[in-house]
Amino acid sequence: MNKHSLVEIISDRLDMPHEQVCSVINTLADVIADSLLEEERVVIQNFGSFRLWHQTSRPVRNPKTGEPMIFQPRNSVKFVPGKHLVDLLNRQADDMESDKA
């Protein structure tokens, strides 16, 4: 799913104009990014949490040449799904397995 699809679905479910939904999604993304830049953890109840992750420098190999290199340190984002989301996904997986049987 991409941003356009997300806007379409939310717009249809809430009967809101696409422009308004797009603005809300853009604002949400900006607020999450700003919080992560401040090294704050972002928790969305029943969904999950985002946190800044500092990747350290480490030795790697260039996959094309096999040449050893050093992976430079950088920042990334980790998402940890909430219990409610994990339970929902596992319940659906269990339902799909029982349908196959």
PDB file of N, CA and C in Angstrom:
ATOM      1  N   MET A   1       0.850  -1.167   0.000  1.00  0.00           N
ATOM      2  CA  MET A   1       0.000   0.000   0.000  1.00  0.00           C
ATOM      3  C   MET A   1       0.897   1.232   0.000  1.00  0.00           C
ATOM      4  N   ASN A   2       0.524   2.215  -0.784  1.00  0.00           N
ATOM      5  CA  ASN A   2       1.272   3.464  -0.810  1.00  0.00           C
ATOM      6  C   ASN A   2       0.404   4.602  -0.255  1.00  0.00           C
ATOM      7  N   LYS A   3       0.968   5.806  -0.228  1.00  0.00           N
ATOM      8  CA  LYS A   3       0.266   6.945   0.362  1.00  0.00           C
ATOM      9  C   LYS A   3      -1.047   7.230  -0.372  1.00  0.00           C
ATOM     10  N   HIS A   4      -1.025   7.159  -1.693  1.00  0.00           N
ATOM     11  CA  HIS A   4      -2.238   7.429  -2.472  1.00  0.00           C
ATOM     12  C   HIS A   4      -3.356   6.454  -2.096  1.00  0.00           C
ATOM     13  N   SER A   5      -3.024   5.177  -1.984  1.00  0.00           N
ATOM     14  CA  SER A   5      -4.020   4.168  -1.604  1.00  0.00           C
ATOM     15  C   SER A   5      -4.546   4.423  -0.202  1.00  0.00           C
ATOM     16  N   LEU A   6      -3.655   4.789   0.702  1.00  0.00           N
ATOM     17  CA  LEU A   6      -4.051   5.084   2.078  1.00  0.00           C
ATOM     18  C   LEU A   6      -5.022   6.262   2.119  1.00  0.00           C
ATOM     19  N   VAL A   7      -4.724   7.305   1.368  1.00  0.00           N
ATOM     20  CA  VAL A   7      -5.616   8.472   1.305  1.00  0.00           C
ATOM     21  C   VAL A   7      -6.979   8.060   0.764  1.00  0.00           C
ATOM     22  N   GLU A   8      -6.995   7.257  -0.282  1.00  0.00           N
ATOM     23  CA  GLU A   8      -8.260   6.796  -0.876  1.00  0.00           C
ATOM     24  C   GLU A   8      -9.111   6.042   0.145  1.00  0.00           C
ATOM     25  N   ILE A   9      -8.504   5.097   0.836  1.00  0.00           N
ATOM     26  CA  ILE A   9      -9.239   4.260   1.788  1.00  0.00           C
ATOM     27  C   ILE A   9      -9.782   5.094   2.942  1.00  0.00           C
ATOM     28  N   ILE A  10      -8.929   5.941   3.525  1.00  0.00           N
ATOM     29  CA  ILE A  10      -9.376   6.761   4.657  1.00  0.00           C
ATOM     30  C   ILE A  10     -10.446   7.745   4.211  1.00  0.00           C
ATOM     31  N   SER A  11     -10.266   8.328   3.053  1.00  0.00           N
ATOM     32  CA  SER A  11     -11.251   9.271   2.522  1.00  0.00           C
ATOM     33  C   SER A  11     -12.608   8.604   2.341  1.00  0.00           C
ATOM     34  N   ASP A  12     -12.613   7.396   1.814  1.00  0.00           N
ATOM     35  CA  ASP A  12     -13.871   6.658   1.623  1.00  0.00           C
ATOM     36  C   ASP A  12     -14.505   6.271   2.952  1.00  0.00           C
ATOM     37  N   ARG A  13     -13.697   5.777   3.894  1.00  0.00           N
ATOM     38  CA  ARG A  13     -14.244   5.328   5.181  1.00  0.00           C
ATOM     39  C   ARG A  13     -14.801   6.472   6.016  1.00  0.00           C
ATOM     40  N   LEU A  14     -14.147   7.628   5.954  1.00  0.00           N
ATOM     41  CA  LEU A  14     -14.571   8.754   6.783  1.00  0.00           C
ATOM     42  C   LEU A  14     -15.398   9.781   6.020  1.00  0.00           C
ATOM     43  N   ASP A  15     -15.602   9.533   4.734  1.00  0.00           N
ATOM     44  CA  ASP A  15     -16.353  10.454   3.881  1.00  0.00           C
ATOM     45  C   ASP A  15     -15.780  11.868   3.993  1.00  0.00           C
ATOM     46  N   MET A  16     -14.455  11.945   3.819  1.00  0.00           N
ATOM     47  CA  MET A  16     -13.745  13.224   3.873  1.00  0.00           C
ATOM     48  C   MET A  16     -13.089  13.484   2.522  1.00  0.00           C
ATOM     49  N   PRO A  17     -12.889  14.754   2.177  1.00  0.00           N
ATOM     50  CA  PRO A  17     -12.204  15.072   0.913  1.00  0.00           C
ATOM     51  C   PRO A  17     -10.760  14.560   0.918  1.00  0.00           C
ATOM     52  N   HIS A  18     -10.296  14.125  -0.253  1.00  0.00           N
ATOM     53  CA  HIS A  18      -8.939  13.593  -0.380  1.00  0.00           C
ATOM     54  C   HIS A  18      -7.892  14.599   0.097  1.00  0.00           C
ATOM     55  N   GLU A  19      -8.083  15.867  -0.244  1.00  0.00           N
ATOM     56  CA  GLU A  19      -7.110  16.896   0.121  1.00  0.00           C
ATOM     57  C   GLU A  19      -6.964  16.999   1.635  1.00  0.00           C
ATOM     58  N   GLN A  20      -8.075  16.905   2.338  1.00  0.00           N
ATOM     59  CA  GLN A  20      -8.048  17.009   3.797  1.00  0.00           C
ATOM     60  C   GLN A  20      -7.341  15.793   4.410  1.00  0.00           C
ATOM     61  N   VAL A  21      -7.648  14.611   3.913  1.00  0.00           N
ATOM     62  CA  VAL A  21      -7.006  13.388   4.412  1.00  0.00           C
ATOM     63  C   VAL A  21      -5.508  13.429   4.113  1.00  0.00           C
ATOM     64  N   CYS A  22      -5.146  13.861   2.922  1.00  0.00           N
ATOM     65  CA  CYS A  22      -3.733  13.953   2.542  1.00  0.00           C
ATOM     66  C   CYS A  22      -3.000  14.919   3.470  1.00  0.00           C
ATOM     67  N   SER A  23      -3.634  16.027   3.800  1.00  0.00           N
ATOM     68  CA  SER A  23      -3.041  16.999   4.716  1.00  0.00           C
ATOM     69  C   SER A  23      -2.820  16.391   6.098  1.00  0.00           C
ATOM     70  N   VAL A  24      -3.786  15.620   6.582  1.00  0.00           N
ATOM     71  CA  VAL A  24      -3.659  14.971   7.891  1.00  0.00           C
ATOM     72  C   VAL A  24      -2.507  13.965   7.876  1.00  0.00           C
ATOM     73  N   ILE A  25      -2.412  13.166   6.819  1.00  0.00           N
ATOM     74  CA  ILE A  25      -1.347  12.165   6.725  1.00  0.00           C
ATOM     75  C   ILE A  25       0.022  12.845   6.649  1.00  0.00           C
ATOM     76  N   ASN A  26       0.125  13.917   5.860  1.00  0.00           N
ATOM     77  CA  ASN A  26       1.388  14.656   5.773  1.00  0.00           C
ATOM     78  C   ASN A  26       1.778  15.238   7.129  1.00  0.00           C
ATOM     79  N   THR A  27       0.795  15.791   7.836  1.00  0.00           N
ATOM     80  CA  THR A  27       1.059  16.364   9.157  1.00  0.00           C
ATOM     81  C   THR A  27       1.493  15.283  10.137  1.00  0.00           C
ATOM     82  N   LEU A  28       0.826  14.134  10.105  1.00  0.00           N
ATOM     83  CA  LEU A  28       1.202  13.016  10.975  1.00  0.00           C
ATOM     84  C   LEU A  28       2.650  12.595  10.712  1.00  0.00           C
ATOM     85  N   ALA A  29       3.009  12.460   9.445  1.00  0.00           N
ATOM     86  CA  ALA A  29       4.379  12.071   9.091  1.00  0.00           C
ATOM     87  C   ALA A  29       5.381  13.123   9.570  1.00  0.00           C
ATOM     88  N   ASP A  30       5.036  14.396   9.424  1.00  0.00           N
ATOM     89  CA  ASP A  30       5.924  15.472   9.885  1.00  0.00           C
ATOM     90  C   ASP A  30       6.109  15.440  11.394  1.00  0.00           C
ATOM     91  N   VAL A  31       5.017  15.239  12.131  1.00  0.00           N
ATOM     92  CA  VAL A  31       5.086  15.203  13.597  1.00  0.00           C
ATOM     93  C   VAL A  31       5.930  14.015  14.063  1.00  0.00           C
ATOM     94  N   ILE A  32       5.744  12.857  13.434  1.00  0.00           N
ATOM     95  CA  ILE A  32       6.547  11.679  13.792  1.00  0.00           C
ATOM     96  C   ILE A  32       8.022  11.945  13.500  1.00  0.00           C
ATOM     97  N   ALA A  33       8.319  12.494  12.319  1.00  0.00           N
ATOM     98  CA  ALA A  33       9.710  12.781  11.955  1.00  0.00           C
ATOM     99  C   ALA A  33      10.334  13.791  12.915  1.00  0.00           C
ATOM    100  N   ASP A  34       9.595  14.855  13.238  1.00  0.00           N
ATOM    101  CA  ASP A  34      10.111  15.864  14.173  1.00  0.00           C
ATOM    102  C   ASP A  34      10.401  15.248  15.537  1.00  0.00           C
ATOM    103  N   SER A  35       9.516  14.395  16.004  1.00  0.00           N
ATOM    104  CA  SER A  35       9.712  13.744  17.304  1.00  0.00           C
ATOM    105  C   SER A  35      10.937  12.840  17.279  1.00  0.00           C
ATOM    106  N   LEU A  36      11.114  12.096  16.196  1.00  0.00           N
ATOM    107  CA  LEU A  36      12.277  11.213  16.084  1.00  0.00           C
ATOM    108  C   LEU A  36      13.572  12.021  16.011  1.00  0.00           C
ATOM    109  N   LEU A  37      13.525  13.173  15.331  1.00  0.00           N
ATOM    110  CA  LEU A  37      14.707  14.035  15.277  1.00  0.00           C
ATOM    111  C   LEU A  37      15.091  14.542  16.662  1.00  0.00           C
ATOM    112  N   GLU A  38      14.104  14.686  17.527  1.00  0.00           N
ATOM    113  CA  GLU A  38      14.349  15.092  18.917  1.00  0.00           C
ATOM    114  C   GLU A  38      14.662  13.882  19.804  1.00  0.00           C
ATOM    115  N   GLU A  39      14.805  12.726  19.159  1.00  0.00           N
ATOM    116  CA  GLU A  39      15.094  11.451  19.826  1.00  0.00           C
ATOM    117  C   GLU A  39      14.004  11.047  20.812  1.00  0.00           C
ATOM    118  N   GLU A  40      12.770  11.416  20.501  1.00  0.00           N
ATOM    119  CA  GLU A  40      11.617  10.992  21.294  1.00  0.00           C
ATOM    120  C   GLU A  40      11.038   9.724  20.684  1.00  0.00           C
ATOM    121  N   ARG A  41      10.563   8.857  21.525  1.00  0.00           N
ATOM    122  CA  ARG A  41       9.867   7.653  21.076  1.00  0.00           C
ATOM    123  C   ARG A  41       8.426   8.052  20.761  1.00  0.00           C
ATOM    124  N   VAL A  42       7.886   7.555  19.654  1.00  0.00           N
ATOM    125  CA  VAL A  42       6.516   7.859  19.249  1.00  0.00           C
ATOM    126  C   VAL A  42       5.691   6.595  19.435  1.00  0.00           C
ATOM    127  N   VAL A  43       4.676   6.669  20.302  1.00  0.00           N
ATOM    128  CA  VAL A  43       3.836   5.514  20.597  1.00  0.00           C
ATOM    129  C   VAL A  43       2.429   5.802  20.100  1.00  0.00           C
ATOM    130  N   ILE A  44       1.906   4.901  19.271  1.00  0.00           N
ATOM    131  CA  ILE A  44       0.523   4.990  18.808  1.00  0.00           C
ATOM    132  C   ILE A  44      -0.202   3.792  19.411  1.00  0.00           C
ATOM    133  N   GLN A  45      -1.079   4.088  20.366  1.00  0.00           N
ATOM    134  CA  GLN A  45      -1.787   3.051  21.121  1.00  0.00           C
ATOM    135  C   GLN A  45      -2.446   2.038  20.182  1.00  0.00           C
ATOM    136  N   ASN A  46      -2.348   0.762  20.496  1.00  0.00           N
ATOM    137  CA  ASN A  46      -2.923  -0.359  19.737  1.00  0.00           C
ATOM    138  C   ASN A  46      -2.307  -0.542  18.349  1.00  0.00           C
ATOM    139  N   PHE A  47      -1.235   0.186  18.052  1.00  0.00           N
ATOM    140  CA  PHE A  47      -0.592   0.045  16.751  1.00  0.00           C
ATOM    141  C   PHE A  47       0.877  -0.316  16.916  1.00  0.00           C
ATOM    142  N   GLY A  48       1.646   0.568  17.552  1.00  0.00           N
ATOM    143  CA  GLY A  48       3.058   0.289  17.746  1.00  0.00           C
ATOM    144  C   GLY A  48       3.829   1.539  18.091  1.00  0.00           C
ATOM    145  N   SER A  49       5.154   1.411  18.098  1.00  0.00           N
ATOM    146  CA  SER A  49       5.990   2.559  18.443  1.00  0.00           C
ATOM    147  C   SER A  49       7.158   2.671  17.471  1.00  0.00           C
ATOM    148  N   PHE A  50       7.588   3.909  17.277  1.00  0.00           N
ATOM    149  CA  PHE A  50       8.737   4.233  16.440  1.00  0.00           C
ATOM    150  C   PHE A  50       9.811   4.819  17.344  1.00  0.00           C
ATOM    151  N   ARG A  51      11.068   4.456  17.066  1.00  0.00           N
ATOM    152  CA  ARG A  51      12.154   5.074  17.822  1.00  0.00           C
ATOM    153  C   ARG A  51      13.370   5.208  16.921  1.00  0.00           C
ATOM    154  N   LEU A  52      14.183   6.202  17.245  1.00  0.00           N
ATOM    155  CA  LEU A  52      15.418   6.422  16.518  1.00  0.00           C
ATOM    156  C   LEU A  52      16.403   5.317  16.881  1.00  0.00           C
ATOM    157  N   TRP A  53      17.118   4.828  15.894  1.00  0.00           N
ATOM    158  CA  TRP A  53      18.089   3.765  16.105  1.00  0.00           C
ATOM    159  C   TRP A  53      19.416   4.217  15.516  1.00  0.00           C
ATOM    160  N   HIS A  54      20.443   4.252  16.345  1.00  0.00           N
ATOM    161  CA  HIS A  54      21.777   4.660  15.904  1.00  0.00           C
ATOM    162  C   HIS A  54      22.541   3.416  15.458  1.00  0.00           C
ATOM    163  N   GLN A  55      22.705   3.270  14.146  1.00  0.00           N
ATOM    164  CA  GLN A  55      23.480   2.145  13.628  1.00  0.00           C
ATOM    165  C   GLN A  55      24.961   2.472  13.779  1.00  0.00           C
ATOM    166  N   THR A  56      25.707   1.533  14.291  1.00  0.00           N
ATOM    167  CA  THR A  56      27.133   1.761  14.515  1.00  0.00           C
ATOM    168  C   THR A  56      27.946   1.392  13.279  1.00  0.00           C
ATOM    169  N   SER A  57      29.166   1.856  13.259  1.00  0.00           N
ATOM    170  CA  SER A  57      30.090   1.515  12.192  1.00  0.00           C
ATOM    171  C   SER A  57      30.443   0.034  12.306  1.00  0.00           C
ATOM    172  N   ARG A  58      30.550  -0.630  11.153  1.00  0.00           N
ATOM    173  CA  ARG A  58      30.910  -2.050  11.194  1.00  0.00           C
ATOM    174  C   ARG A  58      31.513  -2.462   9.847  1.00  0.00           C
ATOM    175  N   PRO A  59      32.331  -3.509   9.860  1.00  0.00           N
ATOM    176  CA  PRO A  59      32.912  -3.977   8.597  1.00  0.00           C
ATOM    177  C   PRO A  59      31.866  -4.740   7.773  1.00  0.00           C
ATOM    178  N   VAL A  60      31.867  -4.492   6.470  1.00  0.00           N
ATOM    179  CA  VAL A  60      30.961  -5.181   5.533  1.00  0.00           C
ATOM    180  C   VAL A  60      31.758  -5.513   4.270  1.00  0.00           C
ATOM    181  N   ARG A  61      31.115  -6.228   3.364  1.00  0.00           N
ATOM    182  CA  ARG A  61      31.732  -6.519   2.065  1.00  0.00           C
ATOM    183  C   ARG A  61      30.849  -5.959   0.958  1.00  0.00           C
ATOM    184  N   ASN A  62      31.488  -5.397  -0.055  1.00  0.00           N
ATOM    185  CA  ASN A  62      30.775  -4.932  -1.234  1.00  0.00           C
ATOM    186  C   ASN A  62      30.226  -6.171  -1.942  1.00  0.00           C
ATOM    187  N   PRO A  63      28.895  -6.272  -2.133  1.00  0.00           N
ATOM    188  CA  PRO A  63      28.331  -7.490  -2.731  1.00  0.00           C
ATOM    189  C   PRO A  63      28.773  -7.729  -4.177  1.00  0.00           C
ATOM    190  N   LYS A  64      29.138  -6.669  -4.906  1.00  0.00           N
ATOM    191  CA  LYS A  64      29.558  -6.841  -6.302  1.00  0.00           C
ATOM    192  C   LYS A  64      31.015  -7.277  -6.416  1.00  0.00           C
ATOM    193  N   THR A  65      31.875  -6.657  -5.606  1.00  0.00           N
ATOM    194  CA  THR A  65      33.312  -6.911  -5.753  1.00  0.00           C
ATOM    195  C   THR A  65      33.893  -7.795  -4.660  1.00  0.00           C
ATOM    196  N   GLY A  66      33.184  -7.929  -3.548  1.00  0.00           N
ATOM    197  CA  GLY A  66      33.696  -8.697  -2.424  1.00  0.00           C
ATOM    198  C   GLY A  66      34.710  -7.921  -1.596  1.00  0.00           C
ATOM    199  N   GLU A  67      34.962  -6.674  -1.986  1.00  0.00           N
ATOM    200  CA  GLU A  67      35.942  -5.837  -1.288  1.00  0.00           C
ATOM    201  C   GLU A  67      35.450  -5.471   0.109  1.00  0.00           C
ATOM    202  N   PRO A  68      36.311  -5.624   1.126  1.00  0.00           N
ATOM    203  CA  PRO A  68      35.909  -5.222   2.478  1.00  0.00           C
ATOM    204  C   PRO A  68      35.779  -3.699   2.568  1.00  0.00           C
ATOM    205  N   MET A  69      34.780  -3.256   3.291  1.00  0.00           N
ATOM    206  CA  MET A  69      34.520  -1.826   3.461  1.00  0.00           C
ATOM    207  C   MET A  69      34.063  -1.592   4.896  1.00  0.00           C
ATOM    208  N   ILE A  70      33.953  -0.334   5.259  1.00  0.00           N
ATOM    209  CA  ILE A  70      33.414   0.029   6.563  1.00  0.00           C
ATOM    210  C   ILE A  70      32.062   0.697   6.339  1.00  0.00           C
ATOM    211  N   PHE A  71      31.043   0.156   6.980  1.00  0.00           N
ATOM    212  CA  PHE A  71      29.703   0.735   6.937  1.00  0.00           C
ATOM    213  C   PHE A  71      29.703   1.913   7.905  1.00  0.00           C
ATOM    214  N   GLN A  72      29.479   3.101   7.392  1.00  0.00           N
ATOM    215  CA  GLN A  72      29.526   4.307   8.219  1.00  0.00           C
ATOM    216  C   GLN A  72      28.335   4.355   9.175  1.00  0.00           C
ATOM    217  N   PRO A  73      28.534   4.904  10.368  1.00  0.00           N
ATOM    218  CA  PRO A  73      27.411   5.006  11.306  1.00  0.00           C
ATOM    219  C   PRO A  73      26.335   5.936  10.751  1.00  0.00           C
ATOM    220  N   ARG A  74      25.087   5.634  11.065  1.00  0.00           N
ATOM    221  CA  ARG A  74      23.971   6.468  10.605  1.00  0.00           C
ATOM    222  C   ARG A  74      22.776   6.237  11.505  1.00  0.00           C
ATOM    223  N   ASN A  75      21.798   7.083  11.342  1.00  0.00           N
ATOM    224  CA  ASN A  75      20.553   6.945  12.090  1.00  0.00           C
ATOM    225  C   ASN A  75      19.515   6.253  11.228  1.00  0.00           C
ATOM    226  N   SER A  76      18.680   5.472  11.865  1.00  0.00           N
ATOM    227  CA  SER A  76      17.578   4.798  11.195  1.00  0.00           C
ATOM    228  C   SER A  76      16.389   4.799  12.150  1.00  0.00           C
ATOM    229  N   VAL A  77      15.302   4.193  11.732  1.00  0.00           N
ATOM    230  CA  VAL A  77      14.095   4.138  12.555  1.00  0.00           C
ATOM    231  C   VAL A  77      13.719   2.685  12.774  1.00  0.00           C
ATOM    232  N   LYS A  78      13.370   2.356  13.997  1.00  0.00           N
ATOM    233  CA  LYS A  78      12.845   1.019  14.312  1.00  0.00           C
ATOM    234  C   LYS A  78      11.366   1.161  14.626  1.00  0.00           C
ATOM    235  N   PHE A  79      10.569   0.238  14.101  1.00  0.00           N
ATOM    236  CA  PHE A  79       9.149   0.159  14.428  1.00  0.00           C
ATOM    237  C   PHE A  79       8.933  -1.129  15.199  1.00  0.00           C
ATOM    238  N   VAL A  80       8.284  -1.021  16.338  1.00  0.00           N
ATOM    239  CA  VAL A  80       7.941  -2.196  17.134  1.00  0.00           C
ATOM    240  C   VAL A  80       6.421  -2.271  17.184  1.00  0.00           C
ATOM    241  N   PRO A  81       5.831  -3.314  16.597  1.00  0.00           N
ATOM    242  CA  PRO A  81       4.368  -3.403  16.614  1.00  0.00           C
ATOM    243  C   PRO A  81       3.843  -3.586  18.030  1.00  0.00           C
ATOM    244  N   GLY A  82       2.679  -3.005  18.284  1.00  0.00           N
ATOM    245  CA  GLY A  82       2.034  -3.159  19.583  1.00  0.00           C
ATOM    246  C   GLY A  82       1.399  -4.532  19.720  1.00  0.00           C
ATOM    247  N   LYS A  83       1.101  -4.913  20.947  1.00  0.00           N
ATOM    248  CA  LYS A  83       0.517  -6.226  21.224  1.00  0.00           C
ATOM    249  C   LYS A  83      -0.793  -6.416  20.470  1.00  0.00           C
ATOM    250  N   HIS A  84      -1.626  -5.384  20.435  1.00  0.00           N
ATOM    251  CA  HIS A  84      -2.919  -5.475  19.752  1.00  0.00           C
ATOM    252  C   HIS A  84      -2.724  -5.795  18.266  1.00  0.00           C
ATOM    253  N   LEU A  85      -1.781  -5.119  17.610  1.00  0.00           N
ATOM    254  CA  LEU A  85      -1.516  -5.355  16.190  1.00  0.00           C
ATOM    255  C   LEU A  85      -0.971  -6.761  15.961  1.00  0.00           C
ATOM    256  N   VAL A  86      -0.044  -7.191  16.795  1.00  0.00           N
ATOM    257  CA  VAL A  86       0.528  -8.537  16.664  1.00  0.00           C
ATOM    258  C   VAL A  86      -0.555  -9.595  16.853  1.00  0.00           C
ATOM    259  N   ASP A  87      -1.399  -9.410  17.873  1.00  0.00           N
ATOM    260  CA  ASP A  87      -2.488 -10.366  18.115  1.00  0.00           C
ATOM    261  C   ASP A  87      -3.434 -10.425  16.923  1.00  0.00           C
ATOM    262  N   LEU A  88      -3.762  -9.268  16.355  1.00  0.00           N
ATOM    263  CA  LEU A  88      -4.651  -9.212  15.197  1.00  0.00           C
ATOM    264  C   LEU A  88      -4.041  -9.949  14.005  1.00  0.00           C
ATOM    265  N   LEU A  89      -2.775  -9.709  13.741  1.00  0.00           N
ATOM    266  CA  LEU A  89      -2.102 -10.368  12.616  1.00  0.00           C
ATOM    267  C   LEU A  89      -2.018 -11.874  12.816  1.00  0.00           C
ATOM    268  N   ASN A  90      -1.723 -12.301  14.043  1.00  0.00           N
ATOM    269  CA  ASN A  90      -1.638 -13.731  14.317  1.00  0.00           C
ATOM    270  C   ASN A  90      -3.001 -14.400  14.258  1.00  0.00           C
ATOM    271  N   ARG A  91      -4.032 -13.703  14.700  1.00  0.00           N
ATOM    272  CA  ARG A  91      -5.389 -14.250  14.633  1.00  0.00           C
ATOM    273  C   ARG A  91      -5.789 -14.451  13.172  1.00  0.00           C
ATOM    274  N   GLN A  92      -5.472 -13.474  12.318  1.00  0.00           N
ATOM    275  CA  GLN A  92      -5.803 -13.609  10.902  1.00  0.00           C
ATOM    276  C   GLN A  92      -4.993 -14.728  10.259  1.00  0.00           C
ATOM    277  N   ALA A  93      -3.737 -14.881  10.655  1.00  0.00           N
ATOM    278  CA  ALA A  93      -2.911 -15.970  10.120  1.00  0.00           C
ATOM    279  C   ALA A  93      -3.485 -17.316  10.541  1.00  0.00           C
ATOM    280  N   ASP A  94      -3.942 -17.412  11.799  1.00  0.00           N
ATOM    281  CA  ASP A  94      -4.553 -18.650  12.283  1.00  0.00           C
ATOM    282  C   ASP A  94      -5.834 -18.953  11.520  1.00  0.00           C
ATOM    283  N   ASP A  95      -6.637 -17.908  11.243  1.00  0.00           N
ATOM    284  CA  ASP A  95      -7.878 -18.090  10.487  1.00  0.00           C
ATOM    285  C   ASP A  95      -7.586 -18.581   9.074  1.00  0.00           C
ATOM    286  N   MET A  96      -6.528 -18.043   8.451  1.00  0.00           N
ATOM    287  CA  MET A  96      -6.178 -18.466   7.097  1.00  0.00           C
ATOM    288  C   MET A  96      -5.706 -19.912   7.096  1.00  0.00           C
ATOM    289  N   GLU A  97      -4.966 -20.316   8.122  1.00  0.00           N
ATOM    290  CA  GLU A  97      -4.498 -21.699   8.226  1.00  0.00           C
ATOM    291  C   GLU A  97      -5.673 -22.655   8.407  1.00  0.00           C
ATOM    292  N   SER A  98      -6.653 -22.271   9.226  1.00  0.00           N
ATOM    293  CA  SER A  98      -7.799 -23.153   9.462  1.00  0.00           C
ATOM    294  C   SER A  98      -8.677 -23.248   8.217  1.00  0.00           C
ATOM    295  N   ASP A  99      -8.696 -22.196   7.385  1.00  0.00           N
ATOM    296  CA  ASP A  99      -9.457 -22.246   6.137  1.00  0.00           C
ATOM    297  C   ASP A  99      -8.823 -23.215   5.145  1.00  0.00           C
ATOM    298  N   LYS A 100      -7.491 -23.365   5.196  1.00  0.00           N
ATOM    299  CA  LYS A 100      -6.789 -24.271   4.286  1.00  0.00           C
ATOM    300  C   LYS A 100      -7.026 -25.729   4.655  1.00  0.00           C
ATOM    301  N   ALA A 101      -7.267 -25.987   5.938  1.00  0.00           N
ATOM    302  CA  ALA A 101      -7.419 -27.368   6.412  1.00  0.00           C
ATOM    303  C   ALA A 101      -8.738 -27.975   6.018  1.00  0.00           C
TER     304      ALA A 101
END
